N, C-alpha and C. Protein backbone atom coordinates (compact mmCIF):
# COMPACT_ATOMS: atom_id res chain seq x y z
N MET A 1 8.64 25.32 -41.50
CA MET A 1 7.66 25.42 -42.17
C MET A 1 7.52 23.98 -43.06
N LYS A 2 8.17 23.42 -43.29
CA LYS A 2 8.31 22.05 -44.01
C LYS A 2 7.94 20.98 -43.03
N PHE A 3 8.63 21.42 -41.69
CA PHE A 3 8.25 20.42 -40.60
C PHE A 3 6.88 20.69 -40.29
N LEU A 4 6.33 21.67 -40.21
CA LEU A 4 4.90 21.53 -39.82
C LEU A 4 3.84 21.01 -40.66
N PHE A 5 4.15 20.96 -42.08
CA PHE A 5 3.45 20.47 -42.89
C PHE A 5 3.56 19.19 -42.97
N TRP A 6 4.66 18.41 -42.53
CA TRP A 6 4.97 17.01 -42.48
C TRP A 6 4.13 16.39 -41.29
N LYS A 7 4.18 17.22 -40.12
CA LYS A 7 3.51 17.19 -38.95
C LYS A 7 1.86 16.92 -39.24
N LEU A 8 1.61 17.97 -39.93
CA LEU A 8 0.13 18.02 -40.31
C LEU A 8 -0.23 16.77 -41.09
N MET A 9 0.65 16.60 -41.98
CA MET A 9 0.51 15.30 -43.06
C MET A 9 0.25 13.94 -41.86
N GLU A 10 1.18 13.96 -41.06
CA GLU A 10 1.03 12.85 -40.25
C GLU A 10 -0.33 12.79 -39.47
N THR A 11 -0.63 13.66 -38.87
CA THR A 11 -1.83 13.92 -38.20
C THR A 11 -2.97 13.70 -39.03
N ILE A 12 -3.06 14.01 -40.36
CA ILE A 12 -4.35 13.74 -41.26
C ILE A 12 -4.08 12.12 -41.79
N TYR A 13 -3.17 12.01 -42.07
CA TYR A 13 -2.78 10.56 -42.52
C TYR A 13 -2.31 9.57 -41.59
N GLU A 14 -3.20 8.56 -41.15
CA GLU A 14 -2.38 7.56 -40.04
C GLU A 14 -1.29 6.98 -40.94
N LYS A 15 -0.12 6.80 -40.07
CA LYS A 15 1.19 6.25 -40.62
C LYS A 15 1.00 4.90 -40.60
N LYS A 16 1.30 4.02 -41.87
CA LYS A 16 1.02 2.66 -42.03
C LYS A 16 2.36 1.97 -41.72
N LYS A 17 2.42 0.79 -41.14
CA LYS A 17 3.46 0.03 -40.68
C LYS A 17 3.57 -0.96 -42.08
N THR A 18 4.62 -1.28 -42.38
CA THR A 18 5.13 -2.38 -43.40
C THR A 18 4.86 -3.64 -42.67
N SER A 19 4.50 -4.81 -43.48
CA SER A 19 4.34 -6.18 -42.88
C SER A 19 5.69 -6.71 -42.45
N ASN A 20 7.03 -5.92 -42.98
CA ASN A 20 8.02 -6.36 -42.74
C ASN A 20 8.40 -6.00 -41.20
N GLU A 21 8.14 -4.72 -40.96
CA GLU A 21 8.06 -4.17 -39.59
C GLU A 21 7.25 -4.62 -38.62
N VAL A 22 6.28 -5.38 -38.97
CA VAL A 22 5.28 -5.90 -37.86
C VAL A 22 5.95 -7.22 -37.68
N LEU A 23 6.55 -7.63 -38.52
CA LEU A 23 7.07 -9.42 -38.70
C LEU A 23 8.49 -9.39 -37.73
N MET A 24 8.90 -8.05 -38.09
CA MET A 24 10.29 -8.02 -37.18
C MET A 24 9.82 -7.79 -35.63
N GLU A 25 8.93 -6.90 -35.41
CA GLU A 25 8.58 -6.79 -33.95
C GLU A 25 7.83 -8.12 -33.22
N TYR A 26 7.11 -8.83 -34.25
CA TYR A 26 6.52 -10.01 -33.63
C TYR A 26 7.81 -10.76 -33.43
N TYR A 27 8.67 -11.35 -34.21
CA TYR A 27 9.88 -12.13 -33.76
C TYR A 27 10.62 -11.54 -32.45
N TRP A 28 10.68 -10.08 -32.29
CA TRP A 28 11.48 -9.27 -31.31
C TRP A 28 10.65 -9.83 -29.98
N PHE A 29 9.24 -9.71 -29.87
CA PHE A 29 8.52 -9.99 -28.91
C PHE A 29 8.34 -11.88 -28.34
N TYR A 30 8.42 -12.29 -29.58
CA TYR A 30 8.44 -14.00 -29.31
C TYR A 30 9.78 -14.09 -28.63
N GLU A 31 10.83 -13.86 -29.02
CA GLU A 31 11.99 -14.06 -28.49
C GLU A 31 12.18 -13.70 -27.25
N HIS A 32 11.85 -12.58 -26.98
CA HIS A 32 11.82 -11.67 -25.71
C HIS A 32 11.00 -12.67 -24.75
N ARG A 33 9.66 -13.23 -25.04
CA ARG A 33 8.82 -14.11 -24.16
C ARG A 33 9.62 -15.41 -24.03
N ASP A 34 10.30 -15.78 -25.06
CA ASP A 34 11.07 -17.15 -24.93
C ASP A 34 12.14 -16.93 -23.77
N HIS A 35 12.95 -15.96 -23.88
CA HIS A 35 13.91 -15.59 -22.95
C HIS A 35 13.50 -15.30 -21.59
N LEU A 36 12.55 -15.07 -21.28
CA LEU A 36 11.80 -14.73 -19.92
C LEU A 36 11.50 -16.16 -19.55
N ARG A 37 10.76 -16.56 -20.51
CA ARG A 37 10.51 -18.19 -20.26
C ARG A 37 11.72 -18.88 -19.46
N ASN A 38 12.78 -19.09 -20.43
CA ASN A 38 13.65 -19.85 -20.00
C ASN A 38 14.46 -19.03 -18.46
N GLU A 39 14.47 -18.00 -18.14
CA GLU A 39 14.69 -17.34 -17.07
C GLU A 39 14.05 -17.90 -16.04
N TRP A 40 12.62 -17.64 -16.08
CA TRP A 40 11.73 -18.21 -15.21
C TRP A 40 12.00 -19.67 -14.74
N LYS A 41 12.20 -20.46 -16.10
CA LYS A 41 12.32 -21.77 -15.82
C LYS A 41 13.36 -22.13 -14.73
N LYS A 42 14.68 -21.23 -15.11
CA LYS A 42 16.04 -21.78 -14.20
C LYS A 42 15.48 -21.25 -12.83
N GLU A 43 14.87 -20.07 -12.30
CA GLU A 43 14.44 -19.78 -11.14
C GLU A 43 13.82 -20.82 -10.78
N ASP A 44 12.94 -21.13 -11.31
CA ASP A 44 11.57 -22.24 -10.84
C ASP A 44 12.45 -23.72 -10.39
N ASP A 45 13.13 -23.76 -11.03
CA ASP A 45 14.03 -25.21 -10.94
C ASP A 45 14.81 -24.93 -9.43
N LYS A 46 15.57 -23.77 -9.35
CA LYS A 46 16.42 -23.48 -8.06
C LYS A 46 15.47 -23.63 -7.04
N LEU A 47 14.27 -22.94 -7.02
CA LEU A 47 13.09 -22.93 -5.90
C LEU A 47 12.66 -24.21 -5.53
N LYS A 48 12.42 -25.17 -6.70
CA LYS A 48 11.72 -26.41 -6.70
C LYS A 48 13.05 -27.40 -5.81
N HIS A 49 14.01 -27.24 -6.22
CA HIS A 49 15.23 -28.10 -5.84
C HIS A 49 15.30 -27.41 -4.16
N HIS A 50 15.30 -26.39 -3.80
CA HIS A 50 15.04 -25.94 -2.32
C HIS A 50 13.89 -26.24 -1.61
N CYS A 51 12.85 -26.51 -2.22
CA CYS A 51 11.73 -27.03 -1.54
C CYS A 51 11.54 -28.25 -1.15
N ASP A 52 12.39 -29.08 -2.36
CA ASP A 52 12.29 -30.57 -2.03
C ASP A 52 13.40 -31.03 -1.03
N THR A 53 14.66 -30.11 -0.89
CA THR A 53 15.44 -30.18 0.22
C THR A 53 14.77 -30.05 1.63
N LEU A 54 14.05 -28.76 1.52
CA LEU A 54 13.35 -28.65 2.82
C LEU A 54 12.49 -29.57 3.32
N TYR A 55 11.69 -30.20 2.39
CA TYR A 55 10.55 -31.15 2.71
C TYR A 55 11.63 -32.45 3.14
N ALA A 56 12.47 -32.86 2.61
CA ALA A 56 13.00 -34.04 3.02
C ALA A 56 13.64 -33.86 4.22
N GLU A 57 14.19 -32.83 4.53
CA GLU A 57 14.63 -32.61 5.89
C GLU A 57 13.65 -32.52 6.92
N PHE A 58 12.47 -31.76 6.59
CA PHE A 58 11.06 -32.01 7.35
C PHE A 58 10.83 -33.66 7.69
N GLU A 59 10.75 -34.31 6.60
CA GLU A 59 10.41 -35.61 6.80
C GLU A 59 11.41 -36.33 7.63
N GLU A 60 12.56 -36.11 7.59
CA GLU A 60 13.52 -36.96 8.49
C GLU A 60 13.45 -36.15 10.01
N LEU A 61 13.56 -34.85 10.30
CA LEU A 61 12.94 -34.57 11.46
C LEU A 61 12.03 -35.06 12.25
N TYR A 62 10.99 -34.96 11.46
CA TYR A 62 9.52 -35.53 12.11
C TYR A 62 9.82 -37.19 12.36
N ARG A 63 10.41 -37.81 11.79
CA ARG A 63 10.67 -39.19 11.83
C ARG A 63 11.42 -39.27 13.28
N GLN A 64 12.46 -38.60 13.52
CA GLN A 64 13.26 -38.69 14.45
C GLN A 64 12.45 -38.30 15.97
N GLU A 65 11.51 -37.17 15.75
CA GLU A 65 11.02 -36.43 16.99
C GLU A 65 10.08 -37.61 17.11
N LYS A 66 9.20 -38.31 16.38
CA LYS A 66 8.13 -39.32 16.58
C LYS A 66 8.81 -40.74 17.26
N SER A 67 9.86 -41.00 16.43
CA SER A 67 10.69 -42.16 17.35
C SER A 67 10.93 -41.85 18.75
N ARG A 68 11.43 -40.49 18.90
CA ARG A 68 11.90 -39.98 20.39
C ARG A 68 10.71 -40.16 21.20
N GLU A 69 9.54 -39.48 20.62
CA GLU A 69 8.50 -39.48 21.66
C GLU A 69 7.76 -40.88 22.04
N GLU A 70 7.91 -41.73 20.86
CA GLU A 70 7.65 -43.18 21.28
C GLU A 70 8.52 -43.87 22.23
N ASN A 71 9.56 -43.39 22.23
CA ASN A 71 10.64 -44.49 23.01
C ASN A 71 10.91 -43.78 24.46
N SER A 72 10.50 -42.52 24.46
CA SER A 72 10.83 -41.93 25.75
C SER A 72 9.78 -42.77 26.88
N LYS A 73 10.14 -42.52 28.18
CA LYS A 73 9.70 -42.97 29.35
C LYS A 73 8.55 -42.39 29.34
N SER A 74 8.40 -40.84 29.64
CA SER A 74 7.29 -40.28 29.66
C SER A 74 6.18 -40.39 28.73
N ALA A 75 6.73 -40.74 27.74
CA ALA A 75 5.29 -40.88 26.69
C ALA A 75 4.80 -42.35 26.87
N ARG A 76 5.64 -43.45 27.15
CA ARG A 76 5.09 -44.80 27.43
C ARG A 76 4.03 -44.36 28.71
N ILE A 77 4.66 -43.84 29.88
CA ILE A 77 3.73 -43.56 30.86
C ILE A 77 2.36 -43.00 30.49
N ALA A 78 2.35 -41.83 29.51
CA ALA A 78 1.21 -41.03 29.20
C ALA A 78 0.38 -42.02 28.70
N LYS A 79 0.86 -42.84 27.55
CA LYS A 79 -0.03 -43.64 26.98
C LYS A 79 -0.59 -44.68 28.14
N LYS A 80 -0.07 -45.19 29.00
CA LYS A 80 -0.59 -46.31 29.84
C LYS A 80 -1.65 -45.41 30.76
N LEU A 81 -1.34 -44.11 31.10
CA LEU A 81 -2.32 -43.15 31.91
C LEU A 81 -3.45 -43.09 30.83
N GLU A 82 -3.34 -42.86 29.65
CA GLU A 82 -4.53 -42.76 28.64
C GLU A 82 -5.34 -43.68 28.52
N GLN A 83 -4.86 -45.13 28.49
CA GLN A 83 -5.39 -46.34 28.38
C GLN A 83 -6.08 -46.52 29.82
N MET A 84 -5.61 -46.22 30.94
CA MET A 84 -6.48 -46.58 31.91
C MET A 84 -7.59 -45.60 32.09
N LYS A 85 -7.46 -44.46 31.86
CA LYS A 85 -8.56 -43.41 31.72
C LYS A 85 -9.66 -43.98 30.83
N LEU A 86 -9.26 -44.37 29.61
CA LEU A 86 -10.19 -44.81 28.80
C LEU A 86 -11.11 -46.10 29.24
N THR A 87 -10.39 -46.98 29.84
CA THR A 87 -10.83 -48.19 30.47
C THR A 87 -11.66 -47.58 31.69
N GLU A 88 -11.20 -46.86 32.58
CA GLU A 88 -12.24 -46.25 33.66
C GLU A 88 -13.46 -45.84 33.09
N GLU A 89 -13.39 -44.90 32.08
CA GLU A 89 -14.53 -44.42 31.28
C GLU A 89 -15.46 -45.53 30.66
N LEU A 90 -14.84 -46.50 30.22
CA LEU A 90 -15.79 -47.35 29.57
C LEU A 90 -16.28 -48.40 30.81
N VAL A 91 -15.74 -48.73 31.83
CA VAL A 91 -16.22 -49.20 33.04
C VAL A 91 -17.52 -48.72 33.56
N SER A 92 -17.30 -47.16 33.54
CA SER A 92 -18.52 -46.23 34.17
C SER A 92 -19.73 -46.48 33.36
N LYS A 93 -19.24 -46.22 31.94
CA LYS A 93 -20.39 -46.32 31.06
C LYS A 93 -21.07 -47.65 31.12
N ILE A 94 -20.48 -48.79 31.12
CA ILE A 94 -21.22 -49.95 31.29
C ILE A 94 -22.03 -50.35 32.28
N LYS A 95 -21.53 -49.80 33.44
CA LYS A 95 -22.01 -49.76 34.76
C LYS A 95 -23.26 -48.84 35.03
N LEU A 96 -23.15 -47.61 34.23
CA LEU A 96 -24.57 -46.89 34.15
C LEU A 96 -25.46 -47.44 33.17
N LYS A 97 -25.35 -48.19 32.17
CA LYS A 97 -26.30 -48.70 31.44
C LYS A 97 -26.72 -49.97 31.97
N LYS A 98 -26.04 -50.84 33.06
CA LYS A 98 -26.84 -51.64 33.59
C LYS A 98 -27.61 -51.34 34.71
N LEU A 99 -27.85 -50.03 35.11
CA LEU A 99 -28.67 -49.42 36.26
C LEU A 99 -29.71 -49.25 35.76
């Protein structure tokens, strides 16, 4: 019976927190946020390092591929053919303008 009376009183009167309880809860959440922020920062640093490593590898491989393409015999021939094609197109356009 006593229990029912207290339950009834709790439903009638809102249970109030003390300022100390609120302050303790505030500090707990503040520290929890700080902890999460520090954990995220560590993970973010790991991911950033990995991204930087991958990008440096990409740049090196890209440089090597470019160098290989520029120095290959087929690439030089393709460039010459492209220049010849452009020259022929230019000559044909000039001839058409003169007509």
